[in-house]
Amino acid sequence: MTDSKRLAVVGAGAVGGSVVELAADYGHSVVAFADSSSAVVDDDGIDTGTALDRKASEGHVGDGDPQDALAADYDVLVEATPTTLGDANPGFSHLRTALERDRHVVLANKGPVAERYADVRDLERDSQGRVRFEATVGGAIPIVSTVEDLSPSHVTAARGVLNGTANFILSRMAAEGIDYEHVLAEAQDLGVAEADPTFDVEGTDAALKCVILANVLSEGEREFTLEDAEVEGITNVPGSALELAAEDGRTIRLVGEATRDGIRVGPRLVPQNAALAVTGTRNIVQLETDHAGQLNLSGRGAGGPETASAVLGDVGRLE
């Protein structure tokens, strides 16, 4: 049984809310919960149901200030605010505050480890707290921990389909012969695509995940950011290209690749029966290793409970 941890959860979207909802199932208590404008703190454990209901009905989780959650008496800060680019704030500042208090940090927010990886590791070295970030790459799929188990020095590359929205669109275009704009509208109606899908369809989200993997593989010898990635999205993939690919027994997927030398993301031709030809919102990552051959890890790459399972798995790995 995992030692029980006291969690402060910052971010009340699908992932943060699911962490709060599921924490007790994993043997942990939530002592602080914050959204962008409010917080609820209780050293004995907050009433998670009340906080979540209040968020749904009133738009805020409590009557306190968000800073109250960062100042609470917790063991692990779960950072689940939206990913931001550049300085990666406020996520990075939340992480820094926790580490300076010698607390652990588990990230669902990609920003700090995609845009300020060296800064994160520097802060971690000066702290008794540790930083874990399984949930930043591939939702429920245990990619980062698998690389750690194999040892990053023995993994030469990671490649895969890492964005469910883009994959859903390409899958539907291929299966139904529908053009991009129509499938995008369908994906938005189903809630698979955001109202503004730019982050997903232009390849930025997949690139950030590959940047994180490249940083893990390089083990601090080189720092990668989004600026180091060659990125092309799917907005210019015509239906005719998918039709031509099908005639040749192939299809098109948005594939990202991370190595110690760099990051590339773009539409790629793959055989229809290949592992990379996953359909719908499913994700897959292939790890190329020195001694274990090629490993394929596939599953749900997004979703509140799915990503929360990766967050809580990381909490369980902390001493």
Protein backbone atom coordinates (compact mmCIF):
# COMPACT_ATOMS: atom_id res chain seq x y z
CA MET A 1 0.00 0.00 0.00
CA THR A 2 1.29 3.43 -0.99
CA ASP A 3 2.01 5.82 1.88
CA SER A 4 -0.82 8.30 2.16
CA LYS A 5 0.06 11.77 0.87
CA ARG A 6 -1.55 15.13 1.54
CA LEU A 7 -2.24 16.81 -1.80
CA ALA A 8 -2.68 20.42 -2.82
CA VAL A 9 -4.31 20.50 -6.26
CA VAL A 10 -3.98 23.71 -8.29
CA GLY A 11 -6.17 23.77 -11.37
CA ALA A 12 -9.83 22.77 -11.43
CA GLY A 13 -10.31 21.67 -15.03
CA ALA A 14 -10.97 18.10 -16.17
CA VAL A 15 -7.64 16.78 -14.87
CA GLY A 16 -7.45 18.70 -11.58
CA GLY A 17 -11.08 17.91 -10.81
CA SER A 18 -10.52 14.22 -11.53
CA VAL A 19 -7.45 14.13 -9.26
CA VAL A 20 -9.55 15.61 -6.44
CA GLU A 21 -12.35 13.13 -7.13
CA LEU A 22 -10.09 10.04 -7.32
CA ALA A 23 -7.40 10.83 -4.71
CA ALA A 24 -9.12 8.87 -1.93
CA ASP A 25 -9.28 5.77 -4.18
CA TYR A 26 -5.48 5.86 -4.23
CA GLY A 27 -5.19 6.33 -0.47
CA HIS A 28 -4.46 10.08 -0.47
CA SER A 29 -6.22 13.12 0.98
CA VAL A 30 -6.72 16.55 -0.61
CA VAL A 31 -5.99 19.33 1.85
CA ALA A 32 -6.12 22.22 -0.64
CA PHE A 33 -7.83 22.81 -3.97
CA ALA A 34 -7.64 25.97 -6.06
CA ASP A 35 -8.92 27.32 -9.36
CA SER A 36 -7.84 30.61 -10.93
CA SER A 37 -9.95 32.76 -8.58
CA SER A 38 -10.58 30.82 -5.36
CA ALA A 39 -9.43 28.05 -3.04
CA VAL A 40 -10.58 25.75 -0.27
CA VAL A 41 -8.12 24.58 2.39
CA ASP A 42 -8.59 22.16 5.28
CA ASP A 43 -5.69 20.49 7.08
CA ASP A 44 -7.96 17.54 7.88
CA GLY A 45 -8.90 17.09 4.23
CA ILE A 46 -11.39 19.12 2.22
CA ASP A 47 -14.89 17.90 1.43
CA THR A 48 -14.09 17.04 -2.18
CA GLY A 49 -17.68 16.47 -3.24
CA THR A 50 -18.77 19.88 -1.98
CA ALA A 51 -15.81 21.62 -3.67
CA LEU A 52 -16.48 19.93 -7.01
CA ASP A 53 -20.22 20.60 -6.81
CA ARG A 54 -19.55 24.23 -5.99
CA LYS A 55 -17.20 24.54 -8.97
CA ALA A 56 -19.86 23.09 -11.26
CA SER A 57 -22.73 25.22 -9.93
CA GLU A 58 -21.04 28.48 -8.92
CA GLY A 59 -17.84 28.53 -10.98
CA HIS A 60 -15.45 28.53 -8.02
CA VAL A 61 -14.23 25.92 -5.54
CA GLY A 62 -14.27 27.93 -2.30
CA ASP A 63 -14.01 31.27 -0.56
CA GLY A 64 -10.24 31.45 -0.11
CA ASP A 65 -7.53 33.01 -2.26
CA PRO A 66 -5.68 30.72 -4.71
CA GLN A 67 -2.44 31.56 -2.90
CA ASP A 68 -3.86 29.90 0.21
CA ALA A 69 -3.53 26.53 -1.51
CA LEU A 70 0.17 27.10 -2.23
CA ALA A 71 0.74 28.02 1.42
CA ALA A 72 -1.13 25.00 2.79
CA ASP A 73 0.47 22.11 4.69
CA TYR A 74 0.77 19.51 1.92
CA ASP A 75 3.22 16.79 0.85
CA VAL A 76 2.67 17.03 -2.90
CA LEU A 77 1.59 19.91 -5.11
CA VAL A 78 -0.38 18.72 -8.14
CA GLU A 79 0.02 21.40 -10.82
CA ALA A 80 -2.91 21.03 -13.25
CA THR A 81 -3.34 24.56 -14.57
CA PRO A 82 -3.46 25.07 -18.37
CA THR A 83 -0.19 24.78 -20.29
CA THR A 84 1.33 28.12 -21.25
CA LEU A 85 4.30 28.76 -23.51
CA GLY A 86 7.38 30.93 -23.05
CA ASP A 87 7.98 31.52 -19.34
CA ALA A 88 5.52 28.67 -18.48
CA ASN A 89 3.84 30.74 -15.78
CA PRO A 90 1.90 30.52 -13.55
CA GLY A 91 2.71 26.79 -13.52
CA PHE A 92 6.45 27.33 -13.15
CA SER A 93 6.05 29.80 -10.28
CA HIS A 94 3.75 27.33 -8.49
CA LEU A 95 6.39 24.62 -8.91
CA ARG A 96 9.14 26.92 -7.64
CA THR A 97 7.09 27.87 -4.56
CA ALA A 98 6.57 24.19 -3.69
CA LEU A 99 10.19 23.17 -4.22
CA GLU A 100 11.44 26.11 -2.16
CA ARG A 101 9.29 24.70 0.65
CA ASP A 102 10.89 21.26 0.07
CA ARG A 103 7.60 19.83 -1.18
CA HIS A 104 7.16 17.39 -4.05
CA VAL A 105 5.53 18.46 -7.33
CA VAL A 106 3.55 16.35 -9.80
CA LEU A 107 2.84 18.08 -13.10
CA ALA A 108 -0.07 17.65 -15.46
CA ASN A 109 0.90 21.03 -16.95
CA LYS A 110 3.41 20.54 -19.78
CA GLY A 111 4.77 24.10 -19.72
CA PRO A 112 7.48 23.87 -17.02
CA VAL A 113 9.16 20.72 -18.42
CA ALA A 114 8.66 21.67 -22.08
CA GLU A 115 9.81 25.29 -21.83
CA ARG A 116 12.01 25.51 -18.70
CA TYR A 117 13.36 22.01 -18.14
CA ALA A 118 16.82 23.11 -16.97
CA ASP A 119 15.31 25.62 -14.52
CA VAL A 120 13.05 22.90 -13.12
CA ARG A 121 15.97 20.53 -12.59
CA ASP A 122 18.07 23.29 -10.99
CA LEU A 123 15.31 24.04 -8.50
CA GLU A 124 14.84 20.35 -7.83
CA ARG A 125 18.54 19.88 -7.06
CA ASP A 126 18.33 22.57 -4.37
CA SER A 127 15.20 21.06 -2.81
CA GLN A 128 14.27 17.99 -0.81
CA GLY A 129 11.23 17.78 -3.06
CA ARG A 130 11.08 15.85 -6.32
CA VAL A 131 9.33 16.63 -9.61
CA ARG A 132 7.40 14.03 -11.60
CA PHE A 133 5.49 14.56 -14.84
CA GLU A 134 4.14 11.32 -16.30
CA ALA A 135 0.80 12.97 -17.07
CA THR A 136 2.38 15.54 -19.40
CA VAL A 137 2.97 12.96 -22.15
CA GLY A 138 0.28 10.61 -23.38
CA GLY A 139 -2.36 10.81 -20.65
CA ALA A 140 -2.77 7.40 -19.04
CA ILE A 141 0.07 5.78 -21.00
CA PRO A 142 3.16 5.13 -18.79
CA ILE A 143 5.73 6.55 -21.20
CA VAL A 144 8.05 8.59 -18.97
CA SER A 145 8.20 5.93 -16.26
CA THR A 146 8.95 3.24 -18.87
CA VAL A 147 11.86 5.31 -20.19
CA GLU A 148 13.08 5.74 -16.60
CA ASP A 149 12.81 2.00 -15.96
CA LEU A 150 14.77 1.18 -19.11
CA SER A 151 17.24 4.03 -18.36
CA PRO A 152 17.17 7.00 -20.75
CA SER A 153 20.71 6.20 -21.90
CA HIS A 154 19.39 2.94 -23.39
CA VAL A 155 16.48 4.53 -25.28
CA THR A 156 17.56 5.99 -28.61
CA ALA A 157 14.27 7.43 -29.85
CA ALA A 158 10.61 7.90 -29.03
CA ARG A 159 8.11 8.34 -31.83
CA GLY A 160 4.37 8.16 -32.01
CA VAL A 161 0.92 9.57 -32.39
CA LEU A 162 0.50 11.90 -29.44
CA ASN A 163 -2.54 14.05 -30.15
CA GLY A 164 -5.99 12.52 -30.07
CA THR A 165 -7.75 15.42 -31.79
CA ALA A 166 -5.49 15.36 -34.84
CA ASN A 167 -5.69 11.58 -34.97
CA PHE A 168 -9.49 11.59 -34.79
CA ILE A 169 -9.65 14.04 -37.69
CA LEU A 170 -7.24 12.07 -39.90
CA SER A 171 -8.98 8.79 -39.04
CA ARG A 172 -12.39 10.16 -40.00
CA MET A 173 -11.07 11.78 -43.18
CA ALA A 174 -9.61 8.44 -44.26
CA ALA A 175 -12.59 6.30 -43.26
CA GLU A 176 -15.37 8.49 -44.65
CA GLY A 177 -13.68 10.46 -47.43
CA ILE A 178 -14.72 13.73 -45.74
CA ASP A 179 -12.62 16.88 -46.04
CA TYR A 180 -10.76 18.49 -43.13
CA GLU A 181 -13.21 21.32 -42.39
CA HIS A 182 -16.22 19.00 -42.14
CA VAL A 183 -14.43 16.54 -39.86
CA LEU A 184 -13.15 19.36 -37.66
CA ALA A 185 -16.71 20.64 -37.21
CA GLU A 186 -17.82 17.11 -36.30
CA ALA A 187 -14.96 16.76 -33.80
CA GLN A 188 -15.95 20.06 -32.18
CA ASP A 189 -19.59 18.96 -31.93
CA LEU A 190 -18.46 15.74 -30.21
CA GLY A 191 -16.16 17.60 -27.82
CA VAL A 192 -13.08 15.88 -29.28
CA ALA A 193 -11.76 19.21 -30.59
CA GLU A 194 -11.65 22.54 -28.77
CA ALA A 195 -13.52 25.57 -30.08
CA ASP A 196 -10.04 26.86 -30.96
CA PRO A 197 -8.23 23.69 -32.12
CA THR A 198 -5.01 25.45 -33.15
CA PHE A 199 -2.84 23.87 -30.42
CA ASP A 200 -3.83 20.39 -31.61
CA VAL A 201 -4.19 20.61 -35.38
CA GLU A 202 -1.05 22.68 -35.95
CA GLY A 203 1.05 20.11 -34.10
CA THR A 204 2.00 22.26 -31.09
CA ASP A 205 0.61 19.88 -28.47
CA ALA A 206 2.37 16.85 -29.98
CA ALA A 207 5.57 18.87 -30.29
CA LEU A 208 5.51 19.87 -26.62
CA LYS A 209 5.20 16.20 -25.63
CA CYS A 210 8.14 15.32 -27.89
CA VAL A 211 10.18 18.17 -26.38
CA ILE A 212 9.58 16.70 -22.93
CA LEU A 213 10.65 13.24 -24.13
CA ALA A 214 13.78 14.68 -25.77
CA ASN A 215 14.66 16.38 -22.48
CA VAL A 216 14.22 13.08 -20.62
CA LEU A 217 16.36 11.21 -23.16
CA SER A 218 19.15 13.81 -23.08
CA GLU A 219 19.46 13.55 -19.27
CA GLY A 220 20.45 17.19 -18.88
CA GLU A 221 23.20 17.16 -21.52
CA ARG A 222 21.09 19.48 -23.67
CA GLU A 223 17.90 21.40 -23.03
CA PHE A 224 15.14 21.38 -25.64
CA THR A 225 12.23 23.81 -25.98
CA LEU A 226 9.49 24.22 -28.56
CA GLU A 227 11.80 26.46 -30.58
CA ASP A 228 14.01 23.42 -31.27
CA ALA A 229 11.18 21.44 -32.87
CA GLU A 230 10.41 21.17 -36.58
CA VAL A 231 6.60 21.22 -36.61
CA GLU A 232 3.99 20.83 -39.33
CA GLY A 233 0.31 20.29 -38.55
CA ILE A 234 -2.55 18.62 -40.43
CA THR A 235 -4.53 21.64 -41.63
CA ASN A 236 -3.13 21.34 -45.16
CA VAL A 237 -3.61 17.57 -45.56
CA PRO A 238 -6.16 17.15 -48.39
CA GLY A 239 -8.63 14.30 -48.52
CA SER A 240 -7.11 13.30 -51.84
CA ALA A 241 -3.79 12.57 -50.12
CA LEU A 242 -5.51 10.08 -47.82
CA GLU A 243 -7.29 8.49 -50.80
CA LEU A 244 -4.00 8.07 -52.67
CA ALA A 245 -2.35 6.65 -49.55
CA ALA A 246 -5.18 4.11 -49.16
CA GLU A 247 -4.72 2.90 -52.72
CA ASP A 248 -1.17 2.00 -51.72
CA GLY A 249 -2.22 0.30 -48.46
CA ARG A 250 -1.13 3.25 -46.35
CA THR A 251 -2.64 6.09 -44.36
CA ILE A 252 -1.48 9.42 -42.90
CA ARG A 253 -0.89 10.11 -39.23
CA LEU A 254 0.54 13.09 -37.34
CA VAL A 255 3.75 11.52 -36.04
CA GLY A 256 6.17 13.07 -33.59
CA GLU A 257 9.72 11.89 -33.02
CA ALA A 258 12.10 12.76 -30.19
CA THR A 259 15.80 11.89 -30.02
CA ARG A 260 18.83 13.41 -28.35
CA ASP A 261 19.45 15.27 -31.62
CA GLY A 262 16.08 16.96 -32.00
CA ILE A 263 12.33 16.88 -32.46
CA ARG A 264 10.21 16.54 -35.59
CA VAL A 265 6.42 16.52 -35.87
CA GLY A 266 4.40 16.28 -39.07
CA PRO A 267 2.04 14.22 -41.24
CA ARG A 268 3.68 10.91 -42.20
CA LEU A 269 2.68 8.01 -44.44
CA VAL A 270 2.36 4.79 -42.45
CA PRO A 271 1.14 1.31 -43.49
CA GLN A 272 -2.55 0.79 -42.67
CA ASN A 273 -1.77 -2.28 -40.57
CA ALA A 274 1.20 -0.71 -38.74
CA ALA A 275 1.19 -0.02 -35.02
CA LEU A 276 1.32 3.74 -35.68
CA ALA A 277 -1.98 3.60 -37.61
CA VAL A 278 -4.07 3.91 -34.42
CA THR A 279 -7.58 5.24 -34.97
CA GLY A 280 -9.83 7.71 -33.22
CA THR A 281 -8.41 9.50 -30.20
CA ARG A 282 -6.04 6.68 -29.28
CA ASN A 283 -2.33 7.49 -28.77
CA ILE A 284 0.73 5.31 -29.27
CA VAL A 285 4.44 5.72 -28.59
CA GLN A 286 7.20 3.50 -29.92
CA LEU A 287 10.41 3.41 -27.91
CA GLU A 288 13.57 2.33 -29.74
CA THR A 289 15.92 0.72 -27.22
CA ASP A 290 19.44 -0.69 -27.18
CA HIS A 291 18.57 -4.01 -25.59
CA ALA A 292 14.79 -4.44 -25.52
CA GLY A 293 14.07 -3.80 -29.18
CA GLN A 294 11.06 -1.69 -30.10
CA LEU A 295 8.39 -1.26 -27.41
CA ASN A 296 4.88 -0.06 -28.30
CA LEU A 297 2.84 1.69 -25.60
CA SER A 298 -0.73 2.54 -26.55
CA GLY A 299 -3.84 3.80 -24.80
CA ARG A 300 -5.93 6.84 -24.01
CA GLY A 301 -3.80 9.92 -24.38
CA ALA A 302 -6.21 12.39 -22.82
CA GLY A 303 -9.27 12.68 -20.59
CA GLY A 304 -9.78 13.72 -16.98
CA PRO A 305 -9.80 10.34 -15.17
CA GLU A 306 -7.22 8.87 -17.54
CA THR A 307 -4.72 11.67 -17.01
CA ALA A 308 -5.52 11.79 -13.29
CA SER A 309 -4.51 8.13 -13.08
CA ALA A 310 -1.04 9.13 -14.33
CA VAL A 311 -0.87 11.99 -11.82
CA LEU A 312 -1.82 9.72 -8.94
CA GLY A 313 0.58 7.05 -10.16
CA ASP A 314 3.35 9.64 -9.89
CA VAL A 315 2.20 10.57 -6.38
CA GLY A 316 2.56 6.89 -5.44
CA ARG A 317 6.14 6.80 -6.74
CA LEU A 318 7.26 9.57 -4.41
CA GLU A 319 9.01 8.61 -1.17
